[in-house]
C-alpha atoms as a PDB file:
ATOM      1  CA  MET A   1      22.842  30.772  -9.474  1.00  0.00           C
ATOM      2  CA  GLY A   2      20.785  30.523  -6.291  1.00  0.00           C
ATOM      3  CA  ALA A   3      17.796  29.246  -8.099  1.00  0.00           C
ATOM      4  CA  PHE A   4      19.944  26.566  -9.815  1.00  0.00           C
ATOM      5  CA  SER A   5      21.353  25.415  -6.401  1.00  0.00           C
ATOM      6  CA  ILE A   6      17.803  25.138  -5.022  1.00  0.00           C
ATOM      7  CA  ALA A   7      16.457  23.129  -7.896  1.00  0.00           C
ATOM      8  CA  PHE A   8      19.664  21.223  -8.521  1.00  0.00           C
ATOM      9  CA  ASP A   9      18.202  17.706  -8.236  1.00  0.00           C
ATOM     10  CA  THR A  10      15.295  18.601 -10.529  1.00  0.00           C
ATOM     11  CA  ILE A  11      17.675  20.034 -13.150  1.00  0.00           C
ATOM     12  CA  ILE A  12      19.743  16.915 -12.998  1.00  0.00           C
ATOM     13  CA  VAL A  13      16.581  14.712 -13.524  1.00  0.00           C
ATOM     14  CA  GLY A  14      15.467  16.881 -16.447  1.00  0.00           C
ATOM     15  CA  SER A  15      18.898  16.844 -18.100  1.00  0.00           C
ATOM     16  CA  LEU A  16      19.018  12.934 -17.734  1.00  0.00           C
ATOM     17  CA  ALA A  17      15.700  12.826 -19.578  1.00  0.00           C
ATOM     18  CA  LEU A  18      17.189  14.451 -22.710  1.00  0.00           C
ATOM     19  CA  PRO A  19      18.570  11.108 -24.212  1.00  0.00           C
ATOM     20  CA  TRP A  20      15.174   9.469 -24.469  1.00  0.00           C
ATOM     21  CA  VAL A  21      13.642  12.734 -25.724  1.00  0.00           C
ATOM     22  CA  PHE A  22      16.261  12.796 -28.479  1.00  0.00           C
ATOM     23  CA  LEU A  23      15.488   9.106 -29.191  1.00  0.00           C
ATOM     24  CA  VAL A  24      11.806   9.929 -29.599  1.00  0.00           C
ATOM     25  CA  ILE A  25      12.627  12.693 -32.048  1.00  0.00           C
ATOM     26  CA  HIS A  26      14.928  10.430 -33.858  1.00  0.00           C
ATOM     27  CA  LEU A  27      12.580   7.523 -34.107  1.00  0.00           C
ATOM     28  CA  PHE A  28       9.307   9.140 -34.688  1.00  0.00           C
ATOM     29  CA  PHE A  29      10.155  12.700 -35.982  1.00  0.00           C
ATOM     30  CA  SER A  30      13.238  11.934 -38.040  1.00  0.00           C
ATOM     31  CA  ASN A  31      12.252  14.515 -40.689  1.00  0.00           C
ATOM     32  CA  ASN A  32      12.394  17.324 -38.218  1.00  0.00           C
ATOM     33  CA  GLU A  33      15.898  16.540 -36.930  1.00  0.00           C
ATOM     34  CA  LEU A  34      17.494  18.957 -39.412  1.00  0.00           C
ATOM     35  CA  ARG A  35      15.055  21.625 -38.230  1.00  0.00           C
ATOM     36  CA  ILE A  36      16.128  21.182 -34.715  1.00  0.00           C
ATOM     37  CA  GLY A  37      19.765  21.490 -35.703  1.00  0.00           C
ATOM     38  CA  LYS A  38      19.003  24.719 -37.568  1.00  0.00           C
ATOM     39  CA  LEU A  39      17.124  26.035 -34.672  1.00  0.00           C
ATOM     40  CA  LEU A  40      20.068  25.492 -32.412  1.00  0.00           C
ATOM     41  CA  GLU A  41      22.390  27.079 -34.803  1.00  0.00           C
ATOM     42  CA  TRP A  42      20.049  30.093 -35.009  1.00  0.00           C
ATOM     43  CA  VAL A  43      20.092  30.417 -31.178  1.00  0.00           C
ATOM     44  CA  SER A  44      23.893  30.381 -31.067  1.00  0.00           C
ATOM     45  CA  LYS A  45      24.038  33.115 -33.786  1.00  0.00           C
ATOM     46  CA  GLN A  46      21.852  35.440 -31.703  1.00  0.00           C
ATOM     47  CA  ASN A  47      24.694  35.811 -29.068  1.00  0.00           C
ATOM     48  CA  GLN A  48      22.198  35.897 -26.220  1.00  0.00           C
ATOM     49  CA  PRO A  49      23.659  33.504 -23.693  1.00  0.00           C
ATOM     50  CA  ALA A  50      21.426  34.746 -20.855  1.00  0.00           C
ATOM     51  CA  VAL A  51      18.216  34.156 -22.812  1.00  0.00           C
ATOM     52  CA  ALA A  52      19.427  30.729 -23.957  1.00  0.00           C
ATOM     53  CA  GLY A  53      20.325  29.812 -20.364  1.00  0.00           C
ATOM     54  CA  VAL A  54      16.931  30.895 -19.113  1.00  0.00           C
ATOM     55  CA  LEU A  55      15.225  28.789 -21.759  1.00  0.00           C
ATOM     56  CA  LEU A  56      17.387  25.734 -21.051  1.00  0.00           C
ATOM     57  CA  PHE A  57      16.747  26.117 -17.325  1.00  0.00           C
ATOM     58  CA  ALA A  58      12.961  26.284 -17.887  1.00  0.00           C
ATOM     59  CA  LEU A  59      13.013  23.270 -20.171  1.00  0.00           C
ATOM     60  CA  ALA A  60      15.152  21.196 -17.791  1.00  0.00           C
ATOM     61  CA  TYR A  61      13.223  22.249 -14.688  1.00  0.00           C
ATOM     62  CA  SER A  62       9.814  21.586 -16.313  1.00  0.00           C
ATOM     63  CA  LEU A  63      10.962  18.201 -17.681  1.00  0.00           C
ATOM     64  CA  GLY A  64      12.594  17.259 -14.452  1.00  0.00           C
ATOM     65  CA  SER A  65       9.554  18.225 -12.354  1.00  0.00           C
ATOM     66  CA  ALA A  66       7.308  16.018 -14.446  1.00  0.00           C
ATOM     67  CA  VAL A  67       9.684  13.110 -14.554  1.00  0.00           C
ATOM     68  CA  SER A  68      10.322  13.360 -10.724  1.00  0.00           C
ATOM     69  CA  ARG A  69       6.527  13.109  -9.967  1.00  0.00           C
ATOM     70  CA  ILE A  70       6.067  10.274 -12.393  1.00  0.00           C
ATOM     71  CA  ALA A  71       9.083   8.355 -11.075  1.00  0.00           C
ATOM     72  CA  GLN A  72       7.940   8.736  -7.544  1.00  0.00           C
ATOM     73  CA  ASP A  73       4.622   7.200  -8.303  1.00  0.00           C
ATOM     74  CA  PHE A  74       6.193   4.544 -10.494  1.00  0.00           C
ATOM     75  CA  PHE A  75       8.421   3.365  -7.619  1.00  0.00           C
ATOM     76  CA  ASP A  76       5.589   3.189  -5.093  1.00  0.00           C
ATOM     77  CA  ASP A  77       2.465   2.172  -7.049  1.00  0.00           C
ATOM     78  CA  ASP A  78       0.503  -0.810  -5.694  1.00  0.00           C
ATOM     79  CA  ASP A  79      -1.704  -1.052  -8.747  1.00  0.00           C
ATOM     80  CA  LEU A  80       0.571  -3.621 -10.518  1.00  0.00           C
ATOM     81  CA  HIS A  81      -0.751  -6.873  -8.947  1.00  0.00           C
ATOM     82  CA  PHE A  82      -2.951  -9.655 -10.135  1.00  0.00           C
ATOM     83  CA  ARG A  83      -4.298 -12.846  -8.549  1.00  0.00           C
ATOM     84  CA  VAL A  84      -3.805 -16.368  -9.935  1.00  0.00           C
ATOM     85  CA  SER A  85      -5.689 -18.955  -7.915  1.00  0.00           C
ATOM     86  CA  ASN A  86      -4.597 -18.452  -4.286  1.00  0.00           C
ATOM     87  CA  TYR A  87      -1.534 -16.452  -5.098  1.00  0.00           C
ATOM     88  CA  LEU A  88      -1.081 -12.763  -5.387  1.00  0.00           C
ATOM     89  CA  PHE A  89       1.672 -11.543  -7.828  1.00  0.00           C
ATOM     90  CA  ARG A  90       2.787  -7.966  -7.111  1.00  0.00           C
ATOM     91  CA  VAL A  91       5.892  -5.776  -7.388  1.00  0.00           C
ATOM     92  CA  GLY A  92       8.236  -6.578  -4.507  1.00  0.00           C
ATOM     93  CA  VAL A  93      10.540  -3.709  -4.205  1.00  0.00           C
ATOM     94  CA  THR A  94       8.592  -0.465  -3.687  1.00  0.00           C
ATOM     95  CA  GLU A  95       9.159   2.506  -1.421  1.00  0.00           C
ATOM     96  CA  SER A  96       6.527   1.362   0.977  1.00  0.00           C
ATOM     97  CA  SER A  97       7.849  -2.203   1.215  1.00  0.00           C
ATOM     98  CA  VAL A  98      11.372  -1.022   1.784  1.00  0.00           C
ATOM     99  CA  ARG A  99      10.134   1.526   4.433  1.00  0.00           C
ATOM    100  CA  THR A 100       8.027  -1.155   6.186  1.00  0.00           C
ATOM    101  CA  ASP A 101      11.039  -3.487   6.436  1.00  0.00           C
ATOM    102  CA  VAL A 102      13.349  -0.727   7.689  1.00  0.00           C
ATOM    103  CA  SER A 103      10.775   0.426  10.267  1.00  0.00           C
ATOM    104  CA  CYS A 104      10.381  -3.136  11.622  1.00  0.00           C
ATOM    105  CA  HIS A 105      14.031  -3.853  12.015  1.00  0.00           C
ATOM    106  CA  THR A 106      14.741  -0.528  13.708  1.00  0.00           C
ATOM    107  CA  LEU A 107      12.087  -0.699  16.402  1.00  0.00           C
ATOM    108  CA  PRO A 108      13.539  -0.192  19.890  1.00  0.00           C
ATOM    109  CA  ALA A 109      13.659  -3.076  22.379  1.00  0.00           C
ATOM    110  CA  LYS A 110      10.781  -3.330  24.781  1.00  0.00           C
ATOM    111  CA  SER A 111      13.061  -2.946  27.733  1.00  0.00           C
ATOM    112  CA  ALA A 112      14.305   0.427  26.494  1.00  0.00           C
ATOM    113  CA  ALA A 113      11.918   2.761  28.254  1.00  0.00           C
ATOM    114  CA  PRO A 114      11.868   6.246  26.631  1.00  0.00           C
ATOM    115  CA  LYS A 115      12.823   9.208  28.816  1.00  0.00           C
ATOM    116  CA  ALA A 116      10.152  11.349  27.186  1.00  0.00           C
ATOM    117  CA  PRO A 117       6.508  10.809  26.247  1.00  0.00           C
ATOM    118  CA  ASP A 118       6.265   9.017  22.881  1.00  0.00           C
ATOM    119  CA  PRO A 119       3.102   9.819  20.903  1.00  0.00           C
ATOM    120  CA  LEU A 120       3.799   6.994  18.570  1.00  0.00           C
ATOM    121  CA  ALA A 121       4.093   4.294  21.336  1.00  0.00           C
ATOM    122  CA  GLU A 122       0.689   2.814  20.791  1.00  0.00           C
ATOM    123  CA  LYS A 123       0.964   2.771  17.011  1.00  0.00           C
ATOM    124  CA  ARG A 124       4.478   1.426  17.129  1.00  0.00           C
ATOM    125  CA  GLU A 125       3.349  -1.482  19.465  1.00  0.00           C
ATOM    126  CA  THR A 126       0.454  -2.291  17.153  1.00  0.00           C
ATOM    127  CA  PHE A 127       2.757  -2.285  14.211  1.00  0.00           C
ATOM    128  CA  LYS A 128       5.221  -4.684  16.007  1.00  0.00           C
ATOM    129  CA  ASN A 129       2.522  -7.140  17.181  1.00  0.00           C
ATOM    130  CA  ASN A 130       1.055  -7.433  13.684  1.00  0.00           C
ATOM    131  CA  ASN A 131       4.455  -8.654  12.453  1.00  0.00           C
ATOM    132  CA  PRO A 132       6.678  -9.843  15.359  1.00  0.00           C
ATOM    133  CA  ASP A 133       9.090 -11.700  13.040  1.00  0.00           C
ATOM    134  CA  CYS A 134       9.539  -8.728  10.740  1.00  0.00           C
ATOM    135  CA  THR A 135       8.525 -10.738   7.693  1.00  0.00           C
ATOM    136  CA  TYR A 136       9.440  -8.844   4.535  1.00  0.00           C
ATOM    137  CA  THR A 137       6.214  -7.463   2.968  1.00  0.00           C
ATOM    138  CA  GLY A 138       7.820  -6.784  -0.428  1.00  0.00           C
ATOM    139  CA  ARG A 139       7.442 -10.330  -1.885  1.00  0.00           C
ATOM    140  CA  TRP A 140       6.784 -10.831  -5.460  1.00  0.00           C
ATOM    141  CA  PHE A 141       4.164 -13.443  -4.938  1.00  0.00           C
ATOM    142  CA  VAL A 142       2.013 -14.051  -1.796  1.00  0.00           C
ATOM    143  CA  ARG A 143      -0.033 -16.994  -0.869  1.00  0.00           C
ATOM    144  CA  GLN A 144      -3.514 -15.810   0.228  1.00  0.00           C
ATOM    145  CA  THR A 145      -6.120 -17.286   2.445  1.00  0.00           C
ATOM    146  CA  VAL A 146      -9.791 -16.349   2.588  1.00  0.00           C
ATOM    147  CA  ASP A 147     -11.446 -15.559   5.876  1.00  0.00           C
ATOM    148  CA  PRO A 148     -14.671 -17.675   5.888  1.00  0.00           C
ATOM    149  CA  ILE A 149     -16.502 -15.065   7.976  1.00  0.00           C
ATOM    150  CA  THR A 150     -15.650 -11.796   6.165  1.00  0.00           C
ATOM    151  CA  ASN A 151     -14.672 -13.405   2.858  1.00  0.00           C
ATOM    152  CA  GLN A 152     -11.584 -11.161   2.708  1.00  0.00           C
ATOM    153  CA  LEU A 153      -8.016 -11.898   1.536  1.00  0.00           C
ATOM    154  CA  ILE A 154      -6.208 -12.137   4.883  1.00  0.00           C
ATOM    155  CA  THR A 155      -2.690 -12.086   3.628  1.00  0.00           C
ATOM    156  CA  ALA A 156      -3.052  -9.153   1.218  1.00  0.00           C
ATOM    157  CA  LYS A 157      -4.947  -7.126   3.833  1.00  0.00           C
ATOM    158  CA  TRP A 158      -2.215  -7.798   6.460  1.00  0.00           C
ATOM    159  CA  ILE A 159       0.536  -6.586   4.058  1.00  0.00           C
ATOM    160  CA  SER A 160      -1.534  -3.397   3.220  1.00  0.00           C
ATOM    161  CA  GLU A 161      -2.087  -2.639   6.909  1.00  0.00           C
ATOM    162  CA  GLN A 162       1.570  -3.033   7.790  1.00  0.00           C
ATOM    163  CA  GLU A 163       2.724  -0.692   4.934  1.00  0.00           C
ATOM    164  CA  ASP A 164       0.073   1.880   5.864  1.00  0.00           C
ATOM    165  CA  GLY A 165       1.113   1.792   9.526  1.00  0.00           C
ATOM    166  CA  ALA A 166       4.773   2.091   8.638  1.00  0.00           C
ATOM    167  CA  GLU A 167       3.969   5.006   6.389  1.00  0.00           C
ATOM    168  CA  GLU A 168       1.951   6.774   9.124  1.00  0.00           C
ATOM    169  CA  ILE A 169       4.706   6.329  11.741  1.00  0.00           C
ATOM    170  CA  PHE A 170       7.457   7.362   9.408  1.00  0.00           C
ATOM    171  CA  ARG A 171       5.827  10.548   8.103  1.00  0.00           C
ATOM    172  CA  PHE A 172       5.327  11.718  11.778  1.00  0.00           C
ATOM    173  CA  GLN A 173       9.038  10.963  12.553  1.00  0.00           C
ATOM    174  CA  GLU A 174      10.180  12.736   9.329  1.00  0.00           C
ATOM    175  CA  ALA A 175       8.166  15.777  10.077  1.00  0.00           C
ATOM    176  CA  ALA A 176       9.463  15.946  13.622  1.00  0.00           C
ATOM    177  CA  VAL A 177      13.102  15.603  12.446  1.00  0.00           C
ATOM    178  CA  LEU A 178      12.677  18.265   9.660  1.00  0.00           C
ATOM    179  CA  LEU A 179      11.354  20.747  12.221  1.00  0.00           C
ATOM    180  CA  GLN A 180      14.822  20.814  13.812  1.00  0.00           C
ATOM    181  CA  GLY A 181      16.112  23.093  11.099  1.00  0.00           C
ATOM    182  CA  THR A 182      18.268  22.898   8.084  1.00  0.00           C
ATOM    183  CA  ASP A 183      21.627  22.521   9.910  1.00  0.00           C
ATOM    184  CA  ALA A 184      20.438  19.465  11.839  1.00  0.00           C
ATOM    185  CA  THR A 185      18.965  17.835   8.732  1.00  0.00           C
ATOM    186  CA  GLU A 186      21.761  18.476   6.315  1.00  0.00           C
ATOM    187  CA  LYS A 187      22.594  14.797   5.923  1.00  0.00           C
ATOM    188  CA  LEU A 188      18.941  13.947   5.493  1.00  0.00           C
ATOM    189  CA  ARG A 189      18.643  16.546   2.657  1.00  0.00           C
ATOM    190  CA  GLN A 190      21.590  15.028   0.891  1.00  0.00           C
ATOM    191  CA  PHE A 191      20.069  11.558   1.008  1.00  0.00           C
ATOM    192  CA  HIS A 192      16.720  12.934  -0.168  1.00  0.00           C
ATOM    193  CA  GLU A 193      18.390  14.590  -3.198  1.00  0.00           C
ATOM    194  CA  GLN A 194      20.152  11.423  -4.064  1.00  0.00           C
ATOM    195  CA  ILE A 195      16.850   9.541  -3.857  1.00  0.00           C
ATOM    196  CA  MET A 196      15.251  12.045  -6.258  1.00  0.00           C
ATOM    197  CA  VAL A 197      18.205  11.870  -8.772  1.00  0.00           C
ATOM    198  CA  LEU A 198      18.674   8.079  -8.658  1.00  0.00           C
ATOM    199  CA  ARG A 199      14.910   7.473  -8.968  1.00  0.00           C
ATOM    200  CA  GLY A 200      14.639   9.849 -11.872  1.00  0.00           C
ATOM    201  CA  ALA A 201      17.712   8.336 -13.401  1.00  0.00           C
ATOM    202  CA  ALA A 202      16.340   4.925 -13.141  1.00  0.00           C
ATOM    203  CA  PHE A 203      13.041   5.996 -14.725  1.00  0.00           C
ATOM    204  CA  ASN A 204      14.817   7.856 -17.520  1.00  0.00           C
ATOM    205  CA  ALA A 205      17.024   4.895 -18.223  1.00  0.00           C
ATOM    206  CA  MET A 206      14.029   2.559 -18.279  1.00  0.00           C
ATOM    207  CA  LEU A 207      12.358   4.752 -20.934  1.00  0.00           C
ATOM    208  CA  ALA A 208      15.575   4.826 -22.968  1.00  0.00           C
ATOM    209  CA  PHE A 209      15.941   1.134 -22.788  1.00  0.00           C
ATOM    210  CA  SER A 210      12.376   0.513 -23.839  1.00  0.00           C
ATOM    211  CA  LEU A 211      12.844   2.715 -26.899  1.00  0.00           C
ATOM    212  CA  CYS A 212      16.170   0.934 -27.708  1.00  0.00           C
ATOM    213  CA  LEU A 213      14.485  -2.448 -27.253  1.00  0.00           C
ATOM    214  CA  PHE A 214      11.667  -1.520 -29.784  1.00  0.00           C
ATOM    215  CA  TRP A 215      14.247  -0.136 -32.150  1.00  0.00           C
ATOM    216  CA  TRP A 216      16.353  -3.295 -31.957  1.00  0.00           C
ATOM    217  CA  VAL A 217      13.435  -5.726 -32.227  1.00  0.00           C
ATOM    218  CA  SER A 218      11.961  -3.941 -35.155  1.00  0.00           C
ATOM    219  CA  LYS A 219      14.726  -5.018 -37.402  1.00  0.00           C
ATOM    220  CA  PHE A 220      13.612  -8.703 -37.194  1.00  0.00           C
ATOM    221  CA  GLN A 221      11.033 -10.036 -39.533  1.00  0.00           C
ATOM    222  CA  SER A 222       9.664 -12.822 -37.266  1.00  0.00           C
ATOM    223  CA  PRO A 223       6.098 -12.443 -36.060  1.00  0.00           C
ATOM    224  CA  LEU A 224       7.349 -13.261 -32.603  1.00  0.00           C
ATOM    225  CA  ARG A 225       8.817  -9.672 -32.392  1.00  0.00           C
ATOM    226  CA  TRP A 226       5.259  -8.475 -31.635  1.00  0.00           C
ATOM    227  CA  ALA A 227       5.445 -10.381 -28.351  1.00  0.00           C
ATOM    228  CA  VAL A 228       7.656  -7.612 -26.871  1.00  0.00           C
ATOM    229  CA  LEU A 229       4.540  -5.424 -26.643  1.00  0.00           C
ATOM    230  CA  LEU A 230       3.092  -7.787 -24.046  1.00  0.00           C
ATOM    231  CA  LEU A 231       5.813  -6.606 -21.574  1.00  0.00           C
ATOM    232  CA  TYR A 232       3.957  -3.206 -21.581  1.00  0.00           C
ATOM    233  CA  LEU A 233       0.445  -4.061 -22.612  1.00  0.00           C
ATOM    234  CA  PHE A 234      -0.228  -6.700 -19.917  1.00  0.00           C
ATOM    235  CA  PRO A 235       1.073  -4.565 -16.963  1.00  0.00           C
ATOM    236  CA  GLY A 236      -0.549  -1.495 -18.438  1.00  0.00           C
ATOM    237  CA  GLY A 237      -3.924  -3.162 -18.618  1.00  0.00           C
ATOM    238  CA  VAL A 238      -3.604  -4.670 -15.065  1.00  0.00           C
ATOM    239  CA  THR A 239      -2.604  -1.368 -13.483  1.00  0.00           C
ATOM    240  CA  THR A 240      -5.372   0.526 -15.319  1.00  0.00           C
ATOM    241  CA  TRP A 241      -7.980  -1.968 -14.171  1.00  0.00           C
ATOM    242  CA  ASN A 242      -6.784  -1.890 -10.485  1.00  0.00           C
ATOM    243  CA  HIS A 243      -6.308   1.857 -10.536  1.00  0.00           C
ATOM    244  CA  TYR A 244      -9.827   2.784 -11.601  1.00  0.00           C
ATOM    245  CA  ARG A 245     -11.378   0.028  -9.455  1.00  0.00           C
ATOM    246  CA  GLY A 246      -9.409   1.019  -6.316  1.00  0.00           C
ATOM    247  CA  HIS A 247      -8.670   4.691  -6.200  1.00  0.00           C
ATOM    248  CA  PRO A 248      -9.647   6.422  -9.465  1.00  0.00           C
ATOM    249  CA  ASN A 249      -9.076   9.918  -8.002  1.00  0.00           C
ATOM    250  CA  GLY A 250      -5.327   9.671  -8.197  1.00  0.00           C
ATOM    251  CA  PRO A 251      -3.335  10.504 -11.331  1.00  0.00           C
ATOM    252  CA  PRO A 252      -2.654   7.340 -13.379  1.00  0.00           C
ATOM    253  CA  PHE A 253       1.193   7.851 -13.861  1.00  0.00           C
ATOM    254  CA  MET A 254       2.262   4.348 -14.215  1.00  0.00           C
ATOM    255  CA  GLU A 255      -0.727   3.354 -16.327  1.00  0.00           C
ATOM    256  CA  PHE A 256      -0.093   6.267 -18.672  1.00  0.00           C
ATOM    257  CA  THR A 257       3.615   5.460 -19.039  1.00  0.00           C
ATOM    258  CA  LEU A 258       3.211   1.795 -19.788  1.00  0.00           C
ATOM    259  CA  LEU A 259       0.312   2.254 -22.331  1.00  0.00           C
ATOM    260  CA  ILE A 260       2.164   5.124 -24.061  1.00  0.00           C
ATOM    261  CA  LEU A 261       5.372   2.901 -24.356  1.00  0.00           C
ATOM    262  CA  ALA A 262       3.198   0.129 -25.763  1.00  0.00           C
ATOM    263  CA  ALA A 263       1.724   2.488 -28.311  1.00  0.00           C
ATOM    264  CA  ALA A 264       5.123   3.785 -29.235  1.00  0.00           C
ATOM    265  CA  GLY A 265       6.415   0.281 -29.684  1.00  0.00           C
ATOM    266  CA  PHE A 266       3.476  -0.639 -31.847  1.00  0.00           C
ATOM    267  CA  ARG A 267       3.988   2.258 -34.163  1.00  0.00           C
ATOM    268  CA  LEU A 268       7.678   1.613 -34.448  1.00  0.00           C
ATOM    269  CA  LEU A 269       7.269  -2.014 -35.246  1.00  0.00           C
ATOM    270  CA  TRP A 270       4.410  -1.259 -37.712  1.00  0.00           C
ATOM    271  CA  GLN A 271       6.457   1.416 -39.485  1.00  0.00           C
ATOM    272  CA  ARG A 272       9.480  -0.692 -40.035  1.00  0.00           C
ATOM    273  CA  ARG A 273       7.228  -3.445 -41.177  1.00  0.00           C
ATOM    274  CA  ALA A 274       5.612  -1.241 -43.779  1.00  0.00           C
ATOM    275  CA  ARG A 275       9.081   0.013 -44.948  1.00  0.00           C
ATOM    276  CA  LYS A 276      10.311  -3.500 -45.368  1.00  0.00           C
ATOM    277  CA  LYS A 277       7.419  -4.344 -47.572  1.00  0.00           C
ATOM    278  CA  GLY A 278       7.857  -1.229 -49.687  1.00  0.00           C
ATOM    279  CA  ALA A 279      11.519  -1.685 -49.965  1.00  0.00           C
ATOM    280  CA  LEU A 280      11.355  -1.908 -53.761  1.00  0.00           C
ATOM    281  CA  GLN A 281       9.539   1.394 -54.111  1.00  0.00           C
ATOM    282  CA  GLU A 282      11.392   3.282 -51.442  1.00  0.00           C
ATOM    283  CA  PRO A 283      14.919   1.879 -51.190  1.00  0.00           C
ATOM    284  CA  GLN A 284      16.268   4.568 -48.975  1.00  0.00           C
ATOM    285  CA  ALA A 285      13.388   4.891 -46.620  1.00  0.00           C
ATOM    286  CA  GLN A 286      13.930   1.585 -44.768  1.00  0.00           C
ATOM    287  CA  ASN A 287      17.464   2.656 -43.597  1.00  0.00           C
ATOM    288  CA  GLU A 288      16.736   6.307 -42.700  1.00  0.00           C
ATOM    289  CA  ARG A 289      16.895   5.567 -38.964  1.00  0.00           C
ATOM    290  CA  GLY A 290      19.808   3.150 -39.175  1.00  0.00           C
ATOM    291  CA  GLU A 291      20.270   0.128 -36.992  1.00  0.00           C
ATOM    292  CA  ILE A 292      20.829   0.205 -33.322  1.00  0.00           C
ATOM    293  CA  ARG A 293      23.889  -1.720 -31.755  1.00  0.00           C
ATOM    294  CA  VAL A 294      23.248  -4.317 -29.193  1.00  0.00           C
ATOM    295  CA  ALA A 295      25.843  -2.521 -27.020  1.00  0.00           C
ATOM    296  CA  TYR A 296      23.560   0.519 -26.648  1.00  0.00           C
ATOM    297  CA  LEU A 297      20.642  -1.796 -25.558  1.00  0.00           C
ATOM    298  CA  LEU A 298      22.796  -3.509 -22.991  1.00  0.00           C
ATOM    299  CA  LEU A 299      24.269  -0.143 -21.795  1.00  0.00           C
ATOM    300  CA  SER A 300      20.724   1.354 -21.225  1.00  0.00           C
ATOM    301  CA  LEU A 301      19.769  -1.853 -19.376  1.00  0.00           C
ATOM    302  CA  PHE A 302      22.838  -1.634 -17.206  1.00  0.00           C
ATOM    303  CA  LEU A 303      22.168   2.009 -16.351  1.00  0.00           C
ATOM    304  CA  THR A 304      18.627   1.196 -15.397  1.00  0.00           C
ATOM    305  CA  VAL A 305      19.577  -1.616 -13.038  1.00  0.00           C
ATOM    306  CA  ALA A 306      22.419   0.364 -11.559  1.00  0.00           C
ATOM    307  CA  ALA A 307      20.370   3.451 -10.870  1.00  0.00           C
ATOM    308  CA  PHE A 308      17.548   1.255  -9.432  1.00  0.00           C
ATOM    309  CA  LEU A 309      19.898  -0.483  -7.013  1.00  0.00           C
ATOM    310  CA  GLY A 310      21.369   2.849  -6.059  1.00  0.00           C
ATOM    311  CA  TRP A 311      17.934   4.216  -5.229  1.00  0.00           C
ATOM    312  CA  TRP A 312      17.079   1.144  -3.259  1.00  0.00           C
ATOM    313  CA  ALA A 313      20.230   1.428  -1.091  1.00  0.00           C
ATOM    314  CA  THR A 314      19.750   5.172  -0.679  1.00  0.00           C
ATOM    315  CA  GLN A 315      16.113   4.742   0.343  1.00  0.00           C
ATOM    316  CA  VAL A 316      17.180   2.331   3.033  1.00  0.00           C
ATOM    317  CA  LEU A 317      19.792   4.734   4.357  1.00  0.00           C
ATOM    318  CA  TYR A 318      17.392   7.675   4.319  1.00  0.00           C
ATOM    319  CA  ASP A 319      14.627   5.808   6.239  1.00  0.00           C
ATOM    320  CA  GLN A 320      17.251   4.586   8.768  1.00  0.00           C
ATOM    321  CA  GLN A 321      18.617   8.091   9.288  1.00  0.00           C
ATOM    322  CA  VAL A 322      15.098   9.549   9.823  1.00  0.00           C
ATOM    323  CA  ILE A 323      14.101   6.866  12.343  1.00  0.00           C
ATOM    324  CA  TYR A 324      17.372   6.999  14.389  1.00  0.00           C
ATOM    325  CA  SER A 325      17.428  10.845  14.359  1.00  0.00           C
ATOM    326  CA  TYR A 326      13.878  10.955  15.645  1.00  0.00           C
ATOM    327  CA  ARG A 327      14.720   8.403  18.370  1.00  0.00           C
ATOM    328  CA  ALA A 328      17.867  10.423  19.345  1.00  0.00           C
ATOM    329  CA  SER A 329      15.978  13.674  19.621  1.00  0.00           C
ATOM    330  CA  SER A 330      12.735  12.436  21.289  1.00  0.00           C
ATOM    331  CA  GLU A 331      13.275   9.130  23.035  1.00  0.00           C
ATOM    332  CA  SER A 332      16.730   9.853  24.612  1.00  0.00           C
ATOM    333  CA  PRO A 333      17.188  13.526  24.647  1.00  0.00           C
ATOM    334  CA  VAL A 334      20.552  14.740  25.624  1.00  0.00           C
ATOM    335  CA  LYS A 335      20.458  17.567  28.247  1.00  0.00           C
ATOM    336  CA  VAL A 336      23.269  20.069  28.276  1.00  0.00           C
ATOM    337  CA  ILE A 337      23.871  21.700  31.687  1.00  0.00           C
ATOM    338  CA  MET A 338      25.549  25.045  31.547  1.00  0.00           C
ATOM    339  CA  LEU A 339      27.687  25.798  34.679  1.00  0.00           C
ATOM    340  CA  SER A 340      28.144  29.404  35.438  1.00  0.00           C
ATOM    341  CA  PRO A 341      31.375  30.463  37.200  1.00  0.00           C
ATOM    342  CA  LYS A 342      31.095  31.421  40.881  1.00  0.00           C
END
């Protein structure tokens, strides 16, 4: 029970991944569904709840650990950007852009002199001077200008420097707050767990929505249905190009996810196309997976958006809590004077 409480958020994320895992089995391995049912029935007949519980825990924890890492990179990957003329198109809402905005708006006033030495004073001053108006860096398209001397993109470089500066300052503040102990950081721990769960839930819901979208589109016979693959092929190709050109040493989580989804969609569309053509020879094969209802597609989309907005709000609360906690403990320490009786 103790191990379950420690890995509670990871177990939740792994459990939320089961719907899209079952969708994968149903769509691509439909012939093995009966075998899975027989396997579960055989496990229940063994009357070994402890062994079954350990296996389920290991499965959920392993799946949750993998999904959590991929979702973390997915929500803070700067590889999804491309340039058209003088405009840079990029993902606006990322963990770095949210943290940069929160860090800028929570900077103390210049008149508020700290009562204790601040190791971040110089970095914080540089961070503020680079963006005195707290312009939001998480914009979906940015107009770029080229420096005639260095021939570099000024706007994109400025945004990258701001996000890197906010990341460096925040990590120092977070480490300093966490060193205060578990009792003082209980609220931070709750926010962090919520971030992991909501981020994993949004990622799992996105995967389920993608599979439902391919399943729903595959029932149409128009050639335009193949256009849905561009929603995954184009960003997958862009992120792959930027990843191996910029920092190839990191794991390509987003690139892998988008390209795998595109491959899964292509196979599903092609299989349904082949079955429609061979309907006269195989009258039952074309309906073996049934048809998906539009309500399921809309439900998965709603869950994706809801979990994403929940993660966004919780990420803001967590960043604010870390920054204010650090300021309360280091910049304005409260001294308690103990008076001994005479």
